[in-house]
Amino acid sequence: MSLESVKAHLKKYERDQDILEFDTTSATVDQAAEAIGVSPAKIAKTLSFRGEGELGILIVAAGDARIDNKKFRETFGMKARMLSAEEVTEQTGHVVGGVCPFGLAKDLDVYMDVSLKRFELVYPACGSRNSAIELTCEELYQYANAKNWIDVTKDWQGELKAETAAAKEKL
């Protein structure tokens, strides 16, 4: 059912046929990266947090990024508290391991974390524990009807600095 709601959502952008379905699970960042054949950082994971009212907030971040509680509090004015697995399914319509910002059961606010911007292509799930799609950051932002780009993560900049240093060495 969840995969079907994502297909219906992506059909509006003529991208429903581009969904990748795997014979193995892609429920975790590492499993998805292995199934697709990319680094875990390029997996666009969708994290579900409590909002101010009854609806949650979704944040899509790079697979190697972790939520920075201080940045989250500064951005949203509240403590970062994740939804339970049951709440995630109820609010998104997707099971944990397949959560994505498409085909949502409720009209949730979606934000994109800047940790994604270092990649040309990223791979969010598509509503099931064995699916994904290849998108540019701009496509992901558009298809998710995101509200804004935000900076609420940490621990990914080290890889970026290493990549930048390696690129400078080549010059």
N, C-alpha and C. Protein backbone atom coordinates (compact mmCIF):
# COMPACT_ATOMS: atom_id res chain seq x y z
N MET A 1 0.83 -1.20 0.00
CA MET A 1 0.00 0.00 0.00
C MET A 1 0.88 1.27 0.00
N SER A 2 1.88 1.29 0.85
CA SER A 2 2.74 2.46 0.96
C SER A 2 3.50 2.73 -0.33
N LEU A 3 4.07 1.68 -0.90
CA LEU A 3 4.78 1.82 -2.17
C LEU A 3 3.82 2.35 -3.24
N GLU A 4 2.58 1.91 -3.19
CA GLU A 4 1.59 2.36 -4.17
C GLU A 4 1.29 3.85 -4.01
N SER A 5 1.23 4.35 -2.77
CA SER A 5 0.98 5.79 -2.57
C SER A 5 2.16 6.61 -3.09
N VAL A 6 3.37 6.08 -2.96
CA VAL A 6 4.55 6.77 -3.47
C VAL A 6 4.53 6.77 -5.00
N LYS A 7 4.18 5.63 -5.59
CA LYS A 7 4.09 5.56 -7.05
C LYS A 7 3.07 6.57 -7.57
N ALA A 8 1.92 6.66 -6.90
CA ALA A 8 0.89 7.61 -7.32
C ALA A 8 1.41 9.05 -7.20
N HIS A 9 2.14 9.33 -6.13
CA HIS A 9 2.70 10.67 -5.92
C HIS A 9 3.73 11.00 -7.00
N LEU A 10 4.63 10.07 -7.28
CA LEU A 10 5.69 10.32 -8.26
C LEU A 10 5.18 10.30 -9.70
N LYS A 11 4.00 9.73 -9.91
CA LYS A 11 3.40 9.71 -11.25
C LYS A 11 3.12 11.14 -11.73
N LYS A 12 2.82 12.04 -10.80
CA LYS A 12 2.57 13.45 -11.14
C LYS A 12 3.79 14.08 -11.80
N TYR A 13 4.98 13.53 -11.50
CA TYR A 13 6.22 14.06 -12.05
C TYR A 13 6.80 13.13 -13.13
N GLU A 14 5.99 12.16 -13.53
CA GLU A 14 6.39 11.15 -14.52
C GLU A 14 7.65 10.41 -14.10
N ARG A 15 7.75 10.10 -12.79
CA ARG A 15 8.92 9.40 -12.25
C ARG A 15 8.54 8.08 -11.57
N ASP A 16 7.26 7.70 -11.62
CA ASP A 16 6.83 6.47 -10.96
C ASP A 16 7.51 5.22 -11.51
N GLN A 17 7.88 5.24 -12.79
CA GLN A 17 8.54 4.09 -13.41
C GLN A 17 10.03 4.03 -13.06
N ASP A 18 10.54 5.06 -12.39
CA ASP A 18 11.97 5.10 -12.05
C ASP A 18 12.28 4.53 -10.67
N ILE A 19 11.25 4.08 -9.96
CA ILE A 19 11.45 3.50 -8.64
C ILE A 19 12.21 2.18 -8.78
N LEU A 20 13.24 2.03 -7.97
CA LEU A 20 14.04 0.81 -7.94
C LEU A 20 13.47 -0.10 -6.85
N GLU A 21 13.21 -1.36 -7.19
CA GLU A 21 12.77 -2.33 -6.19
C GLU A 21 13.80 -3.44 -6.12
N PHE A 22 14.16 -3.83 -4.90
CA PHE A 22 15.24 -4.78 -4.68
C PHE A 22 14.72 -6.11 -4.17
N ASP A 23 15.49 -7.17 -4.43
CA ASP A 23 15.17 -8.50 -3.90
C ASP A 23 15.59 -8.62 -2.45
N THR A 24 16.47 -7.73 -2.01
CA THR A 24 16.94 -7.72 -0.62
C THR A 24 16.40 -6.48 0.07
N THR A 25 16.52 -6.45 1.38
CA THR A 25 16.04 -5.30 2.14
C THR A 25 16.96 -4.09 1.95
N SER A 26 16.36 -2.94 1.97
CA SER A 26 17.10 -1.67 1.93
C SER A 26 16.62 -0.78 3.07
N ALA A 27 16.25 -1.43 4.19
CA ALA A 27 15.62 -0.72 5.30
C ALA A 27 16.57 0.18 6.08
N THR A 28 17.86 -0.14 6.10
CA THR A 28 18.82 0.73 6.80
C THR A 28 19.66 1.47 5.76
N VAL A 29 20.35 2.48 6.21
CA VAL A 29 21.21 3.24 5.31
C VAL A 29 22.24 2.32 4.66
N ASP A 30 22.89 1.49 5.47
CA ASP A 30 23.92 0.59 4.93
C ASP A 30 23.34 -0.43 3.96
N GLN A 31 22.17 -0.98 4.28
CA GLN A 31 21.53 -1.95 3.38
C GLN A 31 21.12 -1.30 2.07
N ALA A 32 20.60 -0.09 2.14
CA ALA A 32 20.20 0.63 0.93
C ALA A 32 21.42 0.94 0.07
N ALA A 33 22.49 1.39 0.71
CA ALA A 33 23.72 1.71 -0.03
C ALA A 33 24.26 0.47 -0.73
N GLU A 34 24.23 -0.66 -0.04
CA GLU A 34 24.71 -1.91 -0.64
C GLU A 34 23.82 -2.34 -1.80
N ALA A 35 22.51 -2.24 -1.62
CA ALA A 35 21.57 -2.64 -2.69
C ALA A 35 21.73 -1.78 -3.93
N ILE A 36 21.98 -0.49 -3.74
CA ILE A 36 22.09 0.44 -4.86
C ILE A 36 23.51 0.48 -5.43
N GLY A 37 24.50 0.26 -4.55
CA GLY A 37 25.89 0.33 -4.99
C GLY A 37 26.49 1.72 -4.88
N VAL A 38 26.11 2.45 -3.82
CA VAL A 38 26.64 3.79 -3.58
C VAL A 38 27.14 3.88 -2.14
N SER A 39 27.80 4.97 -1.81
CA SER A 39 28.25 5.16 -0.43
C SER A 39 27.03 5.44 0.46
N PRO A 40 27.07 5.03 1.72
CA PRO A 40 25.95 5.28 2.63
C PRO A 40 25.57 6.76 2.73
N ALA A 41 26.52 7.65 2.57
CA ALA A 41 26.25 9.09 2.67
C ALA A 41 25.22 9.54 1.64
N LYS A 42 25.17 8.88 0.48
CA LYS A 42 24.26 9.30 -0.60
C LYS A 42 22.82 8.81 -0.40
N ILE A 43 22.58 8.05 0.65
CA ILE A 43 21.21 7.63 0.96
C ILE A 43 20.52 8.80 1.65
N ALA A 44 19.39 9.22 1.11
CA ALA A 44 18.63 10.33 1.69
C ALA A 44 17.63 9.75 2.70
N LYS A 45 18.04 9.74 3.96
CA LYS A 45 17.19 9.15 5.00
C LYS A 45 16.17 10.17 5.49
N THR A 46 14.97 9.70 5.76
CA THR A 46 13.90 10.56 6.24
C THR A 46 13.69 10.28 7.72
N LEU A 47 13.88 11.30 8.54
CA LEU A 47 13.75 11.20 9.99
C LEU A 47 12.46 11.88 10.43
N SER A 48 11.76 11.26 11.38
CA SER A 48 10.43 11.73 11.81
C SER A 48 10.48 12.22 13.25
N PHE A 49 10.12 13.49 13.45
CA PHE A 49 10.16 14.11 14.77
C PHE A 49 8.80 14.66 15.16
N ARG A 50 8.63 14.84 16.46
CA ARG A 50 7.40 15.48 16.97
C ARG A 50 7.43 16.95 16.57
N GLY A 51 6.27 17.44 16.16
CA GLY A 51 6.14 18.86 15.84
C GLY A 51 5.50 19.58 17.01
N GLU A 52 5.10 20.82 16.80
CA GLU A 52 4.47 21.60 17.87
C GLU A 52 3.05 21.12 18.15
N GLY A 53 2.33 20.75 17.11
CA GLY A 53 0.96 20.27 17.30
C GLY A 53 0.94 18.75 17.26
N GLU A 54 -0.12 18.21 16.69
CA GLU A 54 -0.24 16.75 16.62
C GLU A 54 0.53 16.16 15.44
N LEU A 55 0.89 16.98 14.46
CA LEU A 55 1.59 16.47 13.29
C LEU A 55 3.11 16.49 13.48
N GLY A 56 3.76 15.50 12.90
CA GLY A 56 5.20 15.41 12.98
C GLY A 56 5.88 16.30 11.96
N ILE A 57 7.20 16.29 12.03
CA ILE A 57 8.08 17.02 11.11
C ILE A 57 9.00 15.98 10.48
N LEU A 58 9.18 16.04 9.17
CA LEU A 58 10.12 15.15 8.50
C LEU A 58 11.35 15.93 8.08
N ILE A 59 12.51 15.33 8.35
CA ILE A 59 13.78 15.92 7.93
C ILE A 59 14.49 14.88 7.08
N VAL A 60 14.82 15.27 5.85
CA VAL A 60 15.56 14.38 4.95
C VAL A 60 17.02 14.82 5.00
N ALA A 61 17.88 13.86 5.37
CA ALA A 61 19.31 14.16 5.55
C ALA A 61 20.16 13.09 4.88
N ALA A 62 21.42 13.40 4.71
CA ALA A 62 22.36 12.43 4.15
C ALA A 62 22.53 11.26 5.10
N GLY A 63 22.82 10.11 4.54
CA GLY A 63 22.92 8.88 5.32
C GLY A 63 23.98 8.88 6.40
N ASP A 64 25.00 9.71 6.25
CA ASP A 64 26.07 9.76 7.25
C ASP A 64 25.90 10.89 8.26
N ALA A 65 24.82 11.64 8.16
CA ALA A 65 24.58 12.78 9.05
C ALA A 65 23.77 12.33 10.28
N ARG A 66 24.06 12.98 11.40
CA ARG A 66 23.30 12.73 12.63
C ARG A 66 22.67 14.05 13.09
N ILE A 67 21.54 13.95 13.73
CA ILE A 67 20.86 15.16 14.22
C ILE A 67 21.71 15.80 15.31
N ASP A 68 21.88 17.11 15.20
CA ASP A 68 22.57 17.91 16.20
C ASP A 68 21.47 18.56 17.04
N ASN A 69 21.33 18.12 18.29
CA ASN A 69 20.24 18.59 19.14
C ASN A 69 20.23 20.10 19.33
N LYS A 70 21.40 20.71 19.44
CA LYS A 70 21.47 22.17 19.61
C LYS A 70 20.95 22.87 18.36
N LYS A 71 21.40 22.44 17.19
CA LYS A 71 20.94 23.05 15.94
C LYS A 71 19.44 22.84 15.76
N PHE A 72 18.95 21.65 16.11
CA PHE A 72 17.52 21.37 15.99
C PHE A 72 16.72 22.34 16.87
N ARG A 73 17.15 22.50 18.12
CA ARG A 73 16.45 23.40 19.05
C ARG A 73 16.48 24.84 18.54
N GLU A 74 17.63 25.26 18.00
CA GLU A 74 17.75 26.63 17.47
C GLU A 74 16.84 26.83 16.25
N THR A 75 16.68 25.79 15.44
CA THR A 75 15.88 25.90 14.22
C THR A 75 14.39 25.82 14.51
N PHE A 76 13.98 24.90 15.37
CA PHE A 76 12.55 24.64 15.58
C PHE A 76 12.01 25.13 16.93
N GLY A 77 12.89 25.57 17.82
CA GLY A 77 12.45 26.08 19.11
C GLY A 77 11.93 25.00 20.05
N MET A 78 12.37 23.77 19.85
CA MET A 78 11.96 22.66 20.71
C MET A 78 13.00 21.56 20.65
N LYS A 79 12.92 20.66 21.61
CA LYS A 79 13.84 19.54 21.68
C LYS A 79 13.52 18.54 20.56
N ALA A 80 14.56 17.92 20.01
CA ALA A 80 14.38 16.89 18.98
C ALA A 80 13.90 15.61 19.64
N ARG A 81 12.66 15.23 19.37
CA ARG A 81 12.10 13.98 19.89
C ARG A 81 11.51 13.21 18.73
N MET A 82 12.05 12.04 18.50
CA MET A 82 11.60 11.22 17.37
C MET A 82 10.25 10.60 17.66
N LEU A 83 9.48 10.36 16.60
CA LEU A 83 8.21 9.66 16.73
C LEU A 83 8.47 8.18 16.95
N SER A 84 7.53 7.50 17.60
CA SER A 84 7.62 6.05 17.76
C SER A 84 7.34 5.40 16.40
N ALA A 85 7.68 4.14 16.26
CA ALA A 85 7.45 3.44 14.99
C ALA A 85 5.96 3.45 14.62
N GLU A 86 5.11 3.31 15.61
CA GLU A 86 3.66 3.33 15.35
C GLU A 86 3.21 4.70 14.88
N GLU A 87 3.73 5.76 15.51
CA GLU A 87 3.39 7.12 15.11
C GLU A 87 3.91 7.43 13.71
N VAL A 88 5.10 6.93 13.39
CA VAL A 88 5.66 7.14 12.06
C VAL A 88 4.73 6.55 11.01
N THR A 89 4.32 5.30 11.22
CA THR A 89 3.42 4.63 10.26
C THR A 89 2.09 5.36 10.16
N GLU A 90 1.54 5.78 11.29
CA GLU A 90 0.25 6.48 11.27
C GLU A 90 0.35 7.82 10.53
N GLN A 91 1.42 8.57 10.77
CA GLN A 91 1.52 9.91 10.19
C GLN A 91 2.02 9.92 8.75
N THR A 92 2.95 9.00 8.43
CA THR A 92 3.50 9.01 7.07
C THR A 92 2.81 8.02 6.15
N GLY A 93 2.27 6.95 6.72
CA GLY A 93 1.71 5.88 5.91
C GLY A 93 2.78 4.87 5.49
N HIS A 94 4.01 5.09 5.96
CA HIS A 94 5.14 4.22 5.61
C HIS A 94 5.70 3.56 6.86
N VAL A 95 6.19 2.33 6.71
CA VAL A 95 6.83 1.65 7.83
C VAL A 95 8.27 2.13 7.97
N VAL A 96 8.79 2.06 9.20
CA VAL A 96 10.18 2.41 9.43
C VAL A 96 11.04 1.50 8.55
N GLY A 97 11.99 2.10 7.87
CA GLY A 97 12.81 1.38 6.91
C GLY A 97 12.40 1.68 5.48
N GLY A 98 11.22 2.30 5.32
CA GLY A 98 10.75 2.68 4.01
C GLY A 98 10.21 4.10 3.99
N VAL A 99 10.43 4.82 5.09
CA VAL A 99 9.88 6.17 5.23
C VAL A 99 10.54 7.10 4.22
N CYS A 100 9.71 7.89 3.57
CA CYS A 100 10.17 8.87 2.59
C CYS A 100 9.21 10.05 2.62
N PRO A 101 9.55 11.15 1.98
CA PRO A 101 8.68 12.33 2.01
C PRO A 101 7.63 12.36 0.90
N PHE A 102 7.35 11.22 0.28
CA PHE A 102 6.39 11.15 -0.83
C PHE A 102 5.18 10.30 -0.44
N GLY A 103 4.01 10.66 -1.00
CA GLY A 103 2.81 9.85 -0.78
C GLY A 103 2.44 9.71 0.68
N LEU A 104 2.53 10.80 1.41
CA LEU A 104 2.31 10.78 2.86
C LEU A 104 0.83 10.65 3.22
N ALA A 105 0.56 9.98 4.34
CA ALA A 105 -0.80 9.81 4.84
C ALA A 105 -1.35 11.14 5.36
N LYS A 106 -0.50 11.97 5.95
CA LYS A 106 -0.90 13.27 6.49
C LYS A 106 -0.04 14.36 5.86
N ASP A 107 -0.53 15.58 5.93
CA ASP A 107 0.16 16.73 5.35
C ASP A 107 1.24 17.22 6.32
N LEU A 108 2.40 16.59 6.28
CA LEU A 108 3.48 16.90 7.19
C LEU A 108 4.45 17.91 6.58
N ASP A 109 5.05 18.72 7.44
CA ASP A 109 6.09 19.64 7.00
C ASP A 109 7.36 18.83 6.74
N VAL A 110 7.96 19.06 5.57
CA VAL A 110 9.18 18.36 5.17
C VAL A 110 10.28 19.39 4.99
N TYR A 111 11.45 19.08 5.56
CA TYR A 111 12.62 19.94 5.45
C TYR A 111 13.78 19.12 4.89
N MET A 112 14.63 19.77 4.12
CA MET A 112 15.82 19.13 3.57
C MET A 112 17.04 19.66 4.32
N ASP A 113 17.88 18.74 4.78
CA ASP A 113 19.10 19.15 5.48
C ASP A 113 20.21 19.41 4.47
N VAL A 114 21.04 20.41 4.77
CA VAL A 114 22.11 20.81 3.86
C VAL A 114 23.16 19.71 3.65
N SER A 115 23.17 18.69 4.48
CA SER A 115 24.12 17.59 4.31
C SER A 115 23.95 16.89 2.96
N LEU A 116 22.77 17.01 2.36
CA LEU A 116 22.50 16.40 1.06
C LEU A 116 23.13 17.17 -0.10
N LYS A 117 23.33 18.47 0.08
CA LYS A 117 23.73 19.35 -1.04
C LYS A 117 25.10 19.05 -1.61
N ARG A 118 25.89 18.26 -0.94
CA ARG A 118 27.24 17.95 -1.47
C ARG A 118 27.19 16.89 -2.56
N PHE A 119 26.00 16.31 -2.82
CA PHE A 119 25.88 15.25 -3.82
C PHE A 119 25.03 15.69 -5.00
N GLU A 120 25.41 15.24 -6.18
CA GLU A 120 24.61 15.50 -7.37
C GLU A 120 23.35 14.65 -7.35
N LEU A 121 23.51 13.37 -6.94
CA LEU A 121 22.39 12.44 -6.88
C LEU A 121 22.28 11.83 -5.49
N VAL A 122 21.05 11.67 -5.02
CA VAL A 122 20.78 11.03 -3.73
C VAL A 122 19.68 9.99 -3.92
N TYR A 123 19.51 9.13 -2.90
CA TYR A 123 18.62 7.98 -3.04
C TYR A 123 17.70 7.84 -1.83
N PRO A 124 16.51 8.44 -1.88
CA PRO A 124 15.54 8.23 -0.80
C PRO A 124 14.78 6.92 -1.01
N ALA A 125 14.23 6.40 0.08
CA ALA A 125 13.36 5.23 0.01
C ALA A 125 12.07 5.62 -0.71
N CYS A 126 11.26 4.62 -1.01
CA CYS A 126 10.00 4.88 -1.72
C CYS A 126 8.81 4.19 -1.06
N GLY A 127 8.79 4.18 0.27
CA GLY A 127 7.62 3.69 0.97
C GLY A 127 7.65 2.23 1.37
N SER A 128 8.67 1.49 0.96
CA SER A 128 8.79 0.09 1.37
C SER A 128 10.22 -0.17 1.81
N ARG A 129 10.44 -1.31 2.43
CA ARG A 129 11.76 -1.67 2.95
C ARG A 129 12.67 -2.24 1.87
N ASN A 130 12.27 -2.14 0.61
CA ASN A 130 13.12 -2.64 -0.47
C ASN A 130 12.98 -1.80 -1.73
N SER A 131 12.93 -0.47 -1.54
CA SER A 131 12.77 0.42 -2.70
C SER A 131 13.54 1.71 -2.50
N ALA A 132 13.82 2.37 -3.61
CA ALA A 132 14.49 3.67 -3.59
C ALA A 132 14.31 4.30 -4.97
N ILE A 133 14.74 5.55 -5.08
CA ILE A 133 14.74 6.24 -6.38
C ILE A 133 15.95 7.16 -6.42
N GLU A 134 16.53 7.31 -7.60
CA GLU A 134 17.66 8.21 -7.80
C GLU A 134 17.12 9.59 -8.18
N LEU A 135 17.47 10.61 -7.39
CA LEU A 135 16.99 11.97 -7.64
C LEU A 135 18.12 12.98 -7.43
N THR A 136 18.02 14.11 -8.11
CA THR A 136 18.88 15.24 -7.77
C THR A 136 18.30 15.87 -6.50
N CYS A 137 19.09 16.67 -5.83
CA CYS A 137 18.58 17.36 -4.64
C CYS A 137 17.41 18.27 -4.98
N GLU A 138 17.47 18.89 -6.14
CA GLU A 138 16.38 19.78 -6.57
C GLU A 138 15.09 18.99 -6.79
N GLU A 139 15.21 17.81 -7.41
CA GLU A 139 14.03 16.96 -7.62
C GLU A 139 13.47 16.50 -6.28
N LEU A 140 14.34 16.07 -5.38
CA LEU A 140 13.90 15.62 -4.07
C LEU A 140 13.16 16.74 -3.35
N TYR A 141 13.70 17.93 -3.38
CA TYR A 141 13.07 19.09 -2.74
C TYR A 141 11.68 19.34 -3.34
N GLN A 142 11.61 19.33 -4.66
CA GLN A 142 10.35 19.59 -5.36
C GLN A 142 9.32 18.50 -5.09
N TYR A 143 9.69 17.24 -5.29
CA TYR A 143 8.75 16.13 -5.15
C TYR A 143 8.27 15.97 -3.71
N ALA A 144 9.10 16.36 -2.75
CA ALA A 144 8.73 16.28 -1.34
C ALA A 144 7.92 17.48 -0.89
N ASN A 145 7.78 18.48 -1.76
CA ASN A 145 7.11 19.72 -1.40
C ASN A 145 7.73 20.29 -0.12
N ALA A 146 9.05 20.31 -0.10
CA ALA A 146 9.78 20.74 1.09
C ALA A 146 9.55 22.21 1.39
N LYS A 147 9.59 22.53 2.66
CA LYS A 147 9.38 23.91 3.09
C LYS A 147 10.65 24.74 2.99
N ASN A 148 11.82 24.07 3.27
CA ASN A 148 13.05 24.85 3.29
C ASN A 148 14.26 23.93 3.41
N TRP A 149 15.43 24.47 3.10
CA TRP A 149 16.71 23.83 3.41
C TRP A 149 17.10 24.28 4.80
N ILE A 150 17.52 23.35 5.64
CA ILE A 150 17.92 23.67 7.01
C ILE A 150 19.26 23.00 7.32
N ASP A 151 19.87 23.42 8.42
CA ASP A 151 21.13 22.83 8.87
C ASP A 151 20.95 22.35 10.30
N VAL A 152 20.58 21.07 10.47
CA VAL A 152 20.35 20.52 11.81
C VAL A 152 21.12 19.23 12.05
N THR A 153 22.17 18.99 11.27
CA THR A 153 22.92 17.75 11.43
C THR A 153 24.39 18.01 11.71
N LYS A 154 25.08 16.92 12.07
CA LYS A 154 26.51 16.98 12.36
C LYS A 154 27.17 15.69 11.88
N ASP A 155 28.47 15.65 12.00
CA ASP A 155 29.30 14.48 11.74
C ASP A 155 29.51 14.14 10.27
N TRP A 156 28.95 14.89 9.36
CA TRP A 156 29.16 14.62 7.94
C TRP A 156 30.23 15.53 7.33
N GLN A 157 30.53 16.63 7.98
CA GLN A 157 31.47 17.59 7.43
C GLN A 157 32.88 17.03 7.34
N GLY A 158 33.25 16.09 8.20
CA GLY A 158 34.58 15.49 8.15
C GLY A 158 34.84 14.83 6.81
N GLU A 159 33.85 14.09 6.30
CA GLU A 159 34.00 13.46 4.99
C GLU A 159 34.11 14.52 3.90
N LEU A 160 33.34 15.58 4.03
CA LEU A 160 33.37 16.65 3.04
C LEU A 160 34.75 17.31 3.02
N LYS A 161 35.32 17.56 4.20
CA LYS A 161 36.65 18.17 4.27
C LYS A 161 37.70 17.26 3.65
N ALA A 162 37.59 15.95 3.89
CA ALA A 162 38.53 15.00 3.31
C ALA A 162 38.43 14.98 1.80
N GLU A 163 37.19 15.01 1.28
CA GLU A 163 36.98 15.04 -0.18
C GLU A 163 37.54 16.32 -0.78
N THR A 164 37.34 17.45 -0.10
CA THR A 164 37.83 18.74 -0.58
C THR A 164 39.37 18.75 -0.59
N ALA A 165 39.98 18.21 0.46
CA ALA A 165 41.44 18.15 0.53
C ALA A 165 42.00 17.27 -0.59
N ALA A 166 41.35 16.13 -0.83
CA ALA A 166 41.79 15.23 -1.90
C ALA A 166 41.66 15.91 -3.27
N ALA A 167 40.59 16.65 -3.47
CA ALA A 167 40.39 17.36 -4.74
C ALA A 167 41.46 18.44 -4.92
N LYS A 168 41.83 19.13 -3.85
CA LYS A 168 42.85 20.17 -3.94
C LYS A 168 44.21 19.57 -4.25
N GLU A 169 44.48 18.37 -3.71
CA GLU A 169 45.75 17.70 -3.99
C GLU A 169 45.90 17.36 -5.45
N LYS A 170 44.80 17.05 -6.09
CA LYS A 170 44.83 16.68 -7.51
C LYS A 170 45.13 17.88 -8.41
N LEU A 171 44.87 19.09 -7.90
CA LEU A 171 45.11 20.30 -8.70
C LEU A 171 46.53 20.61 -8.80
